[in-house]
Amino acid sequence: MTPMTIVLALASFVGFLLLFLLMLPRSTAQSALLEQVTRDARATAQEKTARSWRLDTDLLAKPFSAIRKLMTPAPDAELVRRLMLAGYKKPAHADIFLGARLAVPAALGILVTLVVSSNVIFYFLLAVVLGFFFPDFWLSHAITSG
């Protein structure tokens, strides 16, 4: 792996991170209303989750929440609605989903630079673009199948 490929991978990751941060929605009256309406439902869901052994979603979402809070105080209401339709009702799920939008393209881009030996730039860009849209495709599938 050449230094140029490493620099290209890092520059692309930083570029996509900045693009993602600029695309985050601003807080609206709709998101505040959605927060107020779903407060009770989230409280009962958190009690049920606390009783069963599961991955601590709040801990997993913490770094992604910090990144999101740089741009907007609350998650996008439309994204929260789509996640609720898919069965993900905790507020941390929105931050985990947004984190997946960052982590999946970065992981695929790094994997491609390590595995592919010819046409690295083409496959790198293809992997990053597909990785960016994969969480949305997965969420659409989860909504229709659930």
N, C-alpha and C. Protein backbone atom coordinates (compact mmCIF):
# COMPACT_ATOMS: atom_id res chain seq x y z
N MET A 1 0.85 -1.16 0.00
CA MET A 1 0.00 0.00 0.00
C MET A 1 0.90 1.23 0.00
N THR A 2 0.65 2.10 -0.95
CA THR A 2 1.49 3.29 -1.10
C THR A 2 1.01 4.41 -0.19
N PRO A 3 1.88 5.34 0.10
CA PRO A 3 1.46 6.48 0.92
C PRO A 3 0.36 7.30 0.25
N MET A 4 0.37 7.33 -1.07
CA MET A 4 -0.66 8.09 -1.79
C MET A 4 -2.04 7.50 -1.54
N THR A 5 -2.13 6.16 -1.47
CA THR A 5 -3.43 5.53 -1.21
C THR A 5 -3.92 5.84 0.20
N ILE A 6 -3.00 5.84 1.14
CA ILE A 6 -3.37 6.15 2.52
C ILE A 6 -3.85 7.59 2.62
N VAL A 7 -3.15 8.50 1.97
CA VAL A 7 -3.55 9.92 1.99
C VAL A 7 -4.90 10.09 1.31
N LEU A 8 -5.11 9.39 0.20
CA LEU A 8 -6.39 9.45 -0.50
C LEU A 8 -7.52 8.93 0.36
N ALA A 9 -7.29 7.83 1.06
CA ALA A 9 -8.32 7.26 1.94
C ALA A 9 -8.65 8.21 3.08
N LEU A 10 -7.64 8.77 3.72
CA LEU A 10 -7.88 9.70 4.83
C LEU A 10 -8.57 10.98 4.35
N ALA A 11 -8.13 11.50 3.22
CA ALA A 11 -8.74 12.72 2.69
C ALA A 11 -10.20 12.48 2.31
N SER A 12 -10.48 11.33 1.74
CA SER A 12 -11.87 11.01 1.39
C SER A 12 -12.73 10.85 2.63
N PHE A 13 -12.19 10.21 3.66
CA PHE A 13 -12.95 10.06 4.89
C PHE A 13 -13.25 11.41 5.51
N VAL A 14 -12.27 12.28 5.59
CA VAL A 14 -12.49 13.61 6.16
C VAL A 14 -13.48 14.39 5.30
N GLY A 15 -13.38 14.27 3.99
CA GLY A 15 -14.31 14.95 3.10
C GLY A 15 -15.74 14.48 3.30
N PHE A 16 -15.93 13.16 3.40
CA PHE A 16 -17.27 12.63 3.62
C PHE A 16 -17.79 12.99 5.01
N LEU A 17 -16.91 13.04 5.99
CA LEU A 17 -17.32 13.46 7.33
C LEU A 17 -17.82 14.89 7.32
N LEU A 18 -17.09 15.78 6.66
CA LEU A 18 -17.53 17.17 6.55
C LEU A 18 -18.82 17.30 5.76
N LEU A 19 -18.94 16.56 4.68
CA LEU A 19 -20.16 16.57 3.88
C LEU A 19 -21.34 16.08 4.71
N PHE A 20 -21.13 15.03 5.47
CA PHE A 20 -22.18 14.50 6.33
C PHE A 20 -22.59 15.53 7.38
N LEU A 21 -21.64 16.17 8.01
CA LEU A 21 -21.96 17.16 9.03
C LEU A 21 -22.72 18.35 8.45
N LEU A 22 -22.41 18.73 7.24
CA LEU A 22 -23.13 19.83 6.61
C LEU A 22 -24.54 19.44 6.19
N MET A 23 -24.78 18.13 5.97
CA MET A 23 -26.09 17.68 5.53
C MET A 23 -27.04 17.39 6.69
N LEU A 24 -26.55 17.44 7.92
CA LEU A 24 -27.43 17.18 9.06
C LEU A 24 -28.51 18.24 9.14
N PRO A 25 -29.73 17.81 9.40
CA PRO A 25 -30.83 18.77 9.45
C PRO A 25 -30.79 19.61 10.73
N ARG A 26 -31.39 20.74 10.65
CA ARG A 26 -31.50 21.64 11.80
C ARG A 26 -32.75 21.25 12.59
N SER A 27 -32.78 21.63 13.83
CA SER A 27 -33.92 21.34 14.69
C SER A 27 -35.13 22.15 14.22
N THR A 28 -36.29 21.49 14.22
CA THR A 28 -37.52 22.14 13.78
C THR A 28 -38.58 21.99 14.85
N ALA A 29 -39.69 22.66 14.64
CA ALA A 29 -40.81 22.53 15.56
C ALA A 29 -41.38 21.11 15.52
N GLN A 30 -41.31 20.48 14.35
CA GLN A 30 -41.80 19.11 14.21
C GLN A 30 -40.99 18.14 15.06
N SER A 31 -39.66 18.31 15.08
CA SER A 31 -38.84 17.41 15.88
C SER A 31 -39.10 17.62 17.37
N ALA A 32 -39.35 18.86 17.79
CA ALA A 32 -39.67 19.12 19.19
C ALA A 32 -41.01 18.48 19.56
N LEU A 33 -41.98 18.56 18.67
CA LEU A 33 -43.29 17.95 18.91
C LEU A 33 -43.16 16.44 18.96
N LEU A 34 -42.39 15.87 18.07
CA LEU A 34 -42.18 14.42 18.08
C LEU A 34 -41.50 13.98 19.38
N GLU A 35 -40.56 14.75 19.85
CA GLU A 35 -39.89 14.45 21.12
C GLU A 35 -40.89 14.44 22.26
N GLN A 36 -41.77 15.41 22.30
CA GLN A 36 -42.76 15.52 23.36
C GLN A 36 -43.76 14.35 23.31
N VAL A 37 -44.21 14.01 22.12
CA VAL A 37 -45.22 12.96 21.96
C VAL A 37 -44.66 11.58 22.31
N THR A 38 -43.42 11.33 21.97
CA THR A 38 -42.86 9.99 22.15
C THR A 38 -42.13 9.81 23.48
N ARG A 39 -42.13 10.80 24.34
CA ARG A 39 -41.40 10.72 25.61
C ARG A 39 -41.88 9.54 26.46
N ASP A 40 -43.19 9.37 26.60
CA ASP A 40 -43.72 8.28 27.43
C ASP A 40 -43.41 6.91 26.81
N ALA A 41 -43.55 6.81 25.52
CA ALA A 41 -43.28 5.53 24.85
C ALA A 41 -41.82 5.14 25.01
N ARG A 42 -40.93 6.12 24.94
CA ARG A 42 -39.52 5.82 25.11
C ARG A 42 -39.20 5.40 26.53
N ALA A 43 -39.88 5.99 27.51
CA ALA A 43 -39.63 5.64 28.91
C ALA A 43 -39.99 4.18 29.18
N THR A 44 -41.14 3.73 28.66
CA THR A 44 -41.52 2.33 28.87
C THR A 44 -40.61 1.39 28.08
N ALA A 45 -40.19 1.80 26.91
CA ALA A 45 -39.28 0.97 26.12
C ALA A 45 -37.93 0.85 26.81
N GLN A 46 -37.47 1.92 27.43
CA GLN A 46 -36.19 1.87 28.14
C GLN A 46 -36.28 0.96 29.36
N GLU A 47 -37.42 0.94 30.04
CA GLU A 47 -37.59 0.05 31.19
C GLU A 47 -37.54 -1.41 30.74
N LYS A 48 -38.18 -1.73 29.63
CA LYS A 48 -38.16 -3.10 29.12
C LYS A 48 -36.76 -3.50 28.70
N THR A 49 -36.05 -2.60 28.04
CA THR A 49 -34.70 -2.90 27.59
C THR A 49 -33.76 -3.07 28.77
N ALA A 50 -33.96 -2.30 29.82
CA ALA A 50 -33.09 -2.40 30.99
C ALA A 50 -33.24 -3.76 31.67
N ARG A 51 -34.40 -4.35 31.59
CA ARG A 51 -34.64 -5.65 32.21
C ARG A 51 -33.97 -6.79 31.45
N SER A 52 -33.85 -6.67 30.15
CA SER A 52 -33.25 -7.75 29.37
C SER A 52 -31.80 -7.41 29.03
N TRP A 53 -31.00 -8.46 28.79
CA TRP A 53 -29.59 -8.25 28.46
C TRP A 53 -29.48 -7.93 26.98
N ARG A 54 -28.92 -6.79 26.70
CA ARG A 54 -28.71 -6.37 25.32
C ARG A 54 -27.50 -5.47 25.26
N LEU A 55 -27.09 -5.17 24.05
CA LEU A 55 -26.01 -4.22 23.83
C LEU A 55 -26.48 -2.85 24.32
N ASP A 56 -25.67 -2.17 25.06
CA ASP A 56 -26.05 -0.87 25.60
C ASP A 56 -26.02 0.16 24.46
N THR A 57 -27.19 0.46 23.92
CA THR A 57 -27.26 1.36 22.77
C THR A 57 -26.87 2.78 23.14
N ASP A 58 -27.15 3.19 24.37
CA ASP A 58 -26.78 4.54 24.77
C ASP A 58 -25.26 4.71 24.77
N LEU A 59 -24.55 3.68 25.23
CA LEU A 59 -23.09 3.73 25.24
C LEU A 59 -22.54 3.72 23.82
N LEU A 60 -23.14 2.90 22.96
CA LEU A 60 -22.70 2.82 21.57
C LEU A 60 -22.97 4.13 20.83
N ALA A 61 -24.06 4.79 21.16
CA ALA A 61 -24.45 6.02 20.46
C ALA A 61 -23.73 7.26 20.97
N LYS A 62 -23.07 7.17 22.10
CA LYS A 62 -22.48 8.35 22.73
C LYS A 62 -21.52 9.13 21.81
N PRO A 63 -20.54 8.47 21.14
CA PRO A 63 -19.66 9.27 20.27
C PRO A 63 -20.39 9.88 19.08
N PHE A 64 -21.38 9.15 18.54
CA PHE A 64 -22.12 9.66 17.40
C PHE A 64 -23.05 10.80 17.83
N SER A 65 -23.55 10.73 19.07
CA SER A 65 -24.37 11.83 19.59
C SER A 65 -23.55 13.11 19.70
N ALA A 66 -22.31 12.96 20.13
CA ALA A 66 -21.44 14.13 20.25
C ALA A 66 -21.20 14.78 18.90
N ILE A 67 -21.01 13.97 17.87
CA ILE A 67 -20.79 14.51 16.52
C ILE A 67 -22.06 15.20 16.03
N ARG A 68 -23.23 14.55 16.25
CA ARG A 68 -24.48 15.15 15.80
C ARG A 68 -24.77 16.46 16.53
N LYS A 69 -24.47 16.51 17.81
CA LYS A 69 -24.77 17.71 18.60
C LYS A 69 -23.92 18.91 18.19
N LEU A 70 -22.85 18.68 17.43
CA LEU A 70 -22.09 19.80 16.89
C LEU A 70 -22.91 20.60 15.89
N MET A 71 -23.83 19.92 15.22
CA MET A 71 -24.61 20.57 14.16
C MET A 71 -26.05 20.87 14.57
N THR A 72 -26.68 19.97 15.30
CA THR A 72 -28.09 20.13 15.64
C THR A 72 -28.36 19.50 17.01
N PRO A 73 -29.22 20.10 17.81
CA PRO A 73 -29.47 19.56 19.15
C PRO A 73 -30.33 18.28 19.17
N ALA A 74 -31.12 18.05 18.15
CA ALA A 74 -32.01 16.88 18.14
C ALA A 74 -31.88 16.14 16.81
N PRO A 75 -32.12 14.83 16.83
CA PRO A 75 -32.07 14.08 15.57
C PRO A 75 -33.18 14.51 14.61
N ASP A 76 -32.99 14.21 13.36
CA ASP A 76 -33.96 14.53 12.32
C ASP A 76 -35.27 13.79 12.59
N ALA A 77 -36.37 14.52 12.60
CA ALA A 77 -37.68 13.95 12.90
C ALA A 77 -38.07 12.88 11.88
N GLU A 78 -37.76 13.10 10.63
CA GLU A 78 -38.09 12.12 9.59
C GLU A 78 -37.30 10.82 9.79
N LEU A 79 -36.03 10.94 10.14
CA LEU A 79 -35.23 9.75 10.40
C LEU A 79 -35.76 9.00 11.62
N VAL A 80 -36.12 9.71 12.66
CA VAL A 80 -36.68 9.08 13.86
C VAL A 80 -37.99 8.37 13.52
N ARG A 81 -38.81 8.99 12.69
CA ARG A 81 -40.06 8.37 12.27
C ARG A 81 -39.80 7.08 11.50
N ARG A 82 -38.86 7.11 10.57
CA ARG A 82 -38.53 5.91 9.79
C ARG A 82 -37.97 4.80 10.68
N LEU A 83 -37.13 5.17 11.64
CA LEU A 83 -36.60 4.17 12.55
C LEU A 83 -37.70 3.57 13.42
N MET A 84 -38.66 4.41 13.84
CA MET A 84 -39.78 3.89 14.62
C MET A 84 -40.63 2.93 13.79
N LEU A 85 -40.81 3.22 12.52
CA LEU A 85 -41.54 2.30 11.65
C LEU A 85 -40.83 0.97 11.52
N ALA A 86 -39.51 1.00 11.62
CA ALA A 86 -38.73 -0.24 11.52
C ALA A 86 -38.63 -0.95 12.87
N GLY A 87 -39.12 -0.32 13.95
CA GLY A 87 -39.11 -0.96 15.25
C GLY A 87 -38.03 -0.47 16.20
N TYR A 88 -37.30 0.56 15.83
CA TYR A 88 -36.23 1.11 16.67
C TYR A 88 -36.75 2.39 17.31
N LYS A 89 -37.07 2.32 18.60
CA LYS A 89 -37.79 3.42 19.24
C LYS A 89 -36.93 4.28 20.16
N LYS A 90 -35.73 3.86 20.52
CA LYS A 90 -34.90 4.65 21.41
C LYS A 90 -34.29 5.83 20.66
N PRO A 91 -34.11 6.97 21.33
CA PRO A 91 -33.49 8.12 20.66
C PRO A 91 -32.05 7.82 20.22
N ALA A 92 -31.38 6.94 20.93
CA ALA A 92 -30.00 6.61 20.58
C ALA A 92 -29.90 5.90 19.23
N HIS A 93 -30.98 5.25 18.81
CA HIS A 93 -30.95 4.55 17.53
C HIS A 93 -30.71 5.50 16.36
N ALA A 94 -31.21 6.71 16.45
CA ALA A 94 -30.98 7.69 15.37
C ALA A 94 -29.50 8.04 15.29
N ASP A 95 -28.85 8.21 16.43
CA ASP A 95 -27.43 8.53 16.42
C ASP A 95 -26.59 7.35 15.93
N ILE A 96 -26.99 6.13 16.29
CA ILE A 96 -26.27 4.95 15.81
C ILE A 96 -26.43 4.84 14.29
N PHE A 97 -27.62 5.12 13.79
CA PHE A 97 -27.84 5.07 12.35
C PHE A 97 -26.97 6.11 11.63
N LEU A 98 -26.92 7.32 12.18
CA LEU A 98 -26.08 8.35 11.57
C LEU A 98 -24.61 7.98 11.66
N GLY A 99 -24.22 7.33 12.74
CA GLY A 99 -22.85 6.85 12.85
C GLY A 99 -22.53 5.77 11.83
N ALA A 100 -23.53 4.94 11.54
CA ALA A 100 -23.33 3.91 10.52
C ALA A 100 -23.13 4.54 9.15
N ARG A 101 -23.79 5.66 8.92
CA ARG A 101 -23.59 6.36 7.65
C ARG A 101 -22.15 6.86 7.51
N LEU A 102 -21.47 7.07 8.61
CA LEU A 102 -20.06 7.47 8.56
C LEU A 102 -19.12 6.28 8.59
N ALA A 103 -19.42 5.31 9.44
CA ALA A 103 -18.50 4.20 9.66
C ALA A 103 -18.48 3.19 8.51
N VAL A 104 -19.62 2.90 7.93
CA VAL A 104 -19.66 1.89 6.86
C VAL A 104 -18.85 2.34 5.64
N PRO A 105 -19.00 3.57 5.13
CA PRO A 105 -18.17 3.97 3.99
C PRO A 105 -16.68 3.99 4.34
N ALA A 106 -16.35 4.43 5.55
CA ALA A 106 -14.93 4.46 5.94
C ALA A 106 -14.36 3.05 6.00
N ALA A 107 -15.10 2.13 6.60
CA ALA A 107 -14.61 0.75 6.71
C ALA A 107 -14.48 0.09 5.33
N LEU A 108 -15.47 0.30 4.48
CA LEU A 108 -15.38 -0.28 3.13
C LEU A 108 -14.24 0.34 2.33
N GLY A 109 -14.05 1.66 2.47
CA GLY A 109 -12.96 2.32 1.76
C GLY A 109 -11.61 1.80 2.20
N ILE A 110 -11.42 1.63 3.48
CA ILE A 110 -10.14 1.10 3.99
C ILE A 110 -9.96 -0.34 3.55
N LEU A 111 -11.03 -1.13 3.60
CA LEU A 111 -10.95 -2.53 3.17
C LEU A 111 -10.56 -2.63 1.70
N VAL A 112 -11.14 -1.79 0.86
CA VAL A 112 -10.81 -1.81 -0.57
C VAL A 112 -9.35 -1.44 -0.79
N THR A 113 -8.86 -0.42 -0.08
CA THR A 113 -7.45 -0.03 -0.28
C THR A 113 -6.50 -1.12 0.18
N LEU A 114 -6.92 -1.95 1.13
CA LEU A 114 -6.05 -3.03 1.59
C LEU A 114 -6.11 -4.26 0.70
N VAL A 115 -7.27 -4.50 0.07
CA VAL A 115 -7.46 -5.74 -0.67
C VAL A 115 -7.20 -5.58 -2.17
N VAL A 116 -7.68 -4.52 -2.76
CA VAL A 116 -7.62 -4.34 -4.22
C VAL A 116 -6.24 -3.83 -4.62
N SER A 117 -5.69 -4.38 -5.71
CA SER A 117 -4.37 -3.95 -6.15
C SER A 117 -4.39 -3.16 -7.47
N SER A 118 -5.46 -3.31 -8.25
CA SER A 118 -5.54 -2.54 -9.49
C SER A 118 -6.85 -1.75 -9.49
N ASN A 119 -6.83 -0.59 -10.14
CA ASN A 119 -7.99 0.30 -10.17
C ASN A 119 -8.47 0.66 -8.77
N VAL A 120 -7.55 0.97 -7.90
CA VAL A 120 -7.86 1.21 -6.49
C VAL A 120 -8.81 2.40 -6.35
N ILE A 121 -8.57 3.47 -7.08
CA ILE A 121 -9.38 4.68 -6.93
C ILE A 121 -10.83 4.41 -7.33
N PHE A 122 -11.02 3.70 -8.43
CA PHE A 122 -12.38 3.39 -8.89
C PHE A 122 -13.13 2.55 -7.84
N TYR A 123 -12.50 1.47 -7.39
CA TYR A 123 -13.16 0.60 -6.42
C TYR A 123 -13.31 1.29 -5.06
N PHE A 124 -12.37 2.15 -4.72
CA PHE A 124 -12.48 2.90 -3.47
C PHE A 124 -13.70 3.81 -3.51
N LEU A 125 -13.84 4.59 -4.58
CA LEU A 125 -14.98 5.49 -4.70
C LEU A 125 -16.30 4.72 -4.75
N LEU A 126 -16.31 3.59 -5.46
CA LEU A 126 -17.50 2.76 -5.54
C LEU A 126 -17.88 2.22 -4.16
N ALA A 127 -16.90 1.75 -3.41
CA ALA A 127 -17.18 1.21 -2.07
C ALA A 127 -17.67 2.30 -1.13
N VAL A 128 -17.10 3.49 -1.21
CA VAL A 128 -17.51 4.57 -0.32
C VAL A 128 -18.94 5.02 -0.64
N VAL A 129 -19.26 5.15 -1.90
CA VAL A 129 -20.62 5.57 -2.29
C VAL A 129 -21.64 4.51 -1.89
N LEU A 130 -21.35 3.24 -2.19
CA LEU A 130 -22.28 2.17 -1.80
C LEU A 130 -22.39 2.08 -0.29
N GLY A 131 -21.29 2.25 0.42
CA GLY A 131 -21.31 2.22 1.87
C GLY A 131 -22.10 3.35 2.48
N PHE A 132 -22.12 4.51 1.81
CA PHE A 132 -22.88 5.64 2.32
C PHE A 132 -24.38 5.40 2.20
N PHE A 133 -24.79 4.74 1.11
CA PHE A 133 -26.21 4.52 0.89
C PHE A 133 -26.73 3.21 1.49
N PHE A 134 -25.85 2.29 1.87
CA PHE A 134 -26.27 1.01 2.41
C PHE A 134 -27.16 1.13 3.64
N PRO A 135 -26.84 1.98 4.64
CA PRO A 135 -27.75 2.08 5.80
C PRO A 135 -29.17 2.51 5.41
N ASP A 136 -29.31 3.39 4.42
CA ASP A 136 -30.65 3.79 3.98
C ASP A 136 -31.39 2.64 3.32
N PHE A 137 -30.69 1.85 2.50
CA PHE A 137 -31.31 0.69 1.87
C PHE A 137 -31.74 -0.31 2.95
N TRP A 138 -30.87 -0.51 3.94
CA TRP A 138 -31.20 -1.44 5.02
C TRP A 138 -32.43 -0.96 5.79
N LEU A 139 -32.50 0.33 6.09
CA LEU A 139 -33.64 0.86 6.83
C LEU A 139 -34.92 0.72 6.02
N SER A 140 -34.88 1.00 4.74
CA SER A 140 -36.07 0.82 3.89
C SER A 140 -36.53 -0.63 3.89
N HIS A 141 -35.58 -1.54 3.83
CA HIS A 141 -35.92 -2.97 3.87
C HIS A 141 -36.51 -3.34 5.23
N ALA A 142 -35.96 -2.82 6.30
CA ALA A 142 -36.47 -3.12 7.65
C ALA A 142 -37.89 -2.58 7.82
N ILE A 143 -38.19 -1.43 7.21
CA ILE A 143 -39.54 -0.87 7.32
C ILE A 143 -40.54 -1.74 6.58
N THR A 144 -40.19 -2.15 5.37
CA THR A 144 -41.13 -2.94 4.57
C THR A 144 -41.30 -4.37 5.08
N SER A 145 -40.26 -4.94 5.65
CA SER A 145 -40.37 -6.32 6.13
C SER A 145 -40.89 -6.40 7.56
N GLY A 146 -40.82 -5.30 8.32
CA GLY A 146 -41.24 -5.34 9.73
C GLY A 146 -42.56 -4.79 9.88
